[in-house]
């Protein structure tokens, strides 16, 4: 089913949009989670936000729907990426104690 959906999507929206639809939510989920179940949940929530806000932007500003959705997808990914990098830099490494 996934292969069929990807093939139909390539013809409908194009290569760049399909690849972004596949990789942006999974990338954001991978940055936020350590386990596959949590990653899938984050990716699913990310897709829901992408679709809703992408179509909302498309409707209000008269943009192409696919491009608006991908714009939101890439924006969400980069926000997650930047926040995770800032969080990782802020946490100092744990010191090992030599009490013994």
Protein backbone atom coordinates (compact mmCIF):
# COMPACT_ATOMS: atom_id res chain seq x y z
CA UNK A 1 0.00 0.00 0.00
CA UNK A 2 2.83 2.41 0.82
CA UNK A 3 4.54 1.73 -2.51
CA UNK A 4 1.29 2.28 -4.40
CA UNK A 5 0.65 5.52 -2.52
CA UNK A 6 4.17 6.78 -3.26
CA UNK A 7 3.86 5.95 -6.97
CA UNK A 8 0.51 7.72 -7.27
CA UNK A 9 1.81 10.66 -5.24
CA UNK A 10 4.87 11.07 -7.47
CA UNK A 11 2.64 11.56 -10.47
CA UNK A 12 0.28 13.88 -8.60
CA UNK A 13 2.48 16.25 -6.60
CA UNK A 14 6.02 15.61 -7.74
CA UNK A 15 9.21 14.12 -6.45
CA UNK A 16 10.28 16.89 -4.12
CA UNK A 17 6.94 17.19 -2.37
CA UNK A 18 6.60 13.42 -1.85
CA UNK A 19 10.11 13.07 -0.46
CA UNK A 20 9.51 15.96 1.92
CA UNK A 21 6.17 14.46 3.00
CA UNK A 22 7.97 11.21 3.81
CA UNK A 23 11.12 12.51 5.50
CA UNK A 24 10.19 15.70 7.36
CA UNK A 25 7.75 14.11 9.87
CA UNK A 26 9.99 11.10 10.41
CA UNK A 27 12.99 13.36 10.94
CA UNK A 28 11.16 15.50 13.47
CA UNK A 29 9.93 12.39 15.26
CA UNK A 30 13.44 10.92 15.35
CA UNK A 31 14.79 14.10 16.91
CA UNK A 32 12.15 14.04 19.64
CA UNK A 33 12.02 10.35 20.57
CA UNK A 34 14.30 7.50 21.49
CA UNK A 35 11.87 4.60 20.86
CA UNK A 36 10.15 3.75 17.59
CA UNK A 37 6.65 3.93 19.11
CA UNK A 38 7.24 7.45 20.39
CA UNK A 39 8.85 8.45 17.09
CA UNK A 40 5.79 7.29 15.18
CA UNK A 41 3.48 9.17 17.54
CA UNK A 42 5.51 12.38 17.13
CA UNK A 43 5.59 11.95 13.36
CA UNK A 44 1.82 11.38 13.26
CA UNK A 45 1.17 14.53 15.32
CA UNK A 46 3.57 16.45 13.11
CA UNK A 47 1.71 15.33 9.98
CA UNK A 48 -1.60 16.38 11.49
CA UNK A 49 -0.25 19.87 12.22
CA UNK A 50 1.33 20.08 8.77
CA UNK A 51 -1.88 19.24 7.00
CA UNK A 52 -4.08 21.53 9.07
CA UNK A 53 -1.84 24.58 9.04
CA UNK A 54 -0.68 24.00 5.45
CA UNK A 55 -4.25 23.92 4.17
CA UNK A 56 -5.16 26.90 6.38
CA UNK A 57 -2.28 28.94 4.94
CA UNK A 58 -3.20 27.78 1.44
CA UNK A 59 -6.80 28.86 1.87
CA UNK A 60 -6.15 32.27 3.42
CA UNK A 61 -3.24 33.33 1.22
CA UNK A 62 -4.34 31.58 -1.99
CA UNK A 63 -1.16 29.46 -2.25
CA UNK A 64 -0.82 25.97 -3.71
CA UNK A 65 -1.93 23.43 -1.09
CA UNK A 66 0.98 21.00 -1.57
CA UNK A 67 3.60 23.71 -1.36
CA UNK A 68 1.99 25.19 1.76
CA UNK A 69 1.92 21.82 3.49
CA UNK A 70 5.59 21.19 2.68
CA UNK A 71 6.51 24.68 3.85
CA UNK A 72 4.90 23.95 7.21
CA UNK A 73 6.56 20.49 7.31
CA UNK A 74 10.04 21.89 6.76
CA UNK A 75 9.39 24.70 9.23
CA UNK A 76 8.33 22.21 11.92
CA UNK A 77 11.41 20.08 11.23
CA UNK A 78 13.81 23.00 11.48
CA UNK A 79 12.16 24.33 14.65
CA UNK A 80 12.52 20.91 16.27
CA UNK A 81 16.11 20.64 15.01
CA UNK A 82 17.12 24.04 16.39
CA UNK A 83 15.38 23.49 19.74
CA UNK A 84 17.02 20.07 20.17
CA UNK A 85 20.47 21.50 19.34
CA UNK A 86 19.99 24.34 21.82
CA UNK A 87 18.80 21.89 24.48
CA UNK A 88 21.79 19.59 23.90
CA UNK A 89 24.26 22.46 24.15
CA UNK A 90 22.72 23.81 27.34
CA UNK A 91 22.94 20.56 29.33
CA UNK A 92 26.45 20.17 30.77
CA UNK A 93 27.98 16.70 30.70
CA UNK A 94 27.71 14.71 33.92
CA UNK A 95 30.89 14.62 36.01
CA UNK A 96 32.18 11.32 37.26
CA UNK A 97 33.20 11.27 40.89
CA UNK A 98 36.34 9.52 42.09
CA UNK A 99 35.43 8.98 45.71
CA UNK A 100 37.12 5.73 46.10
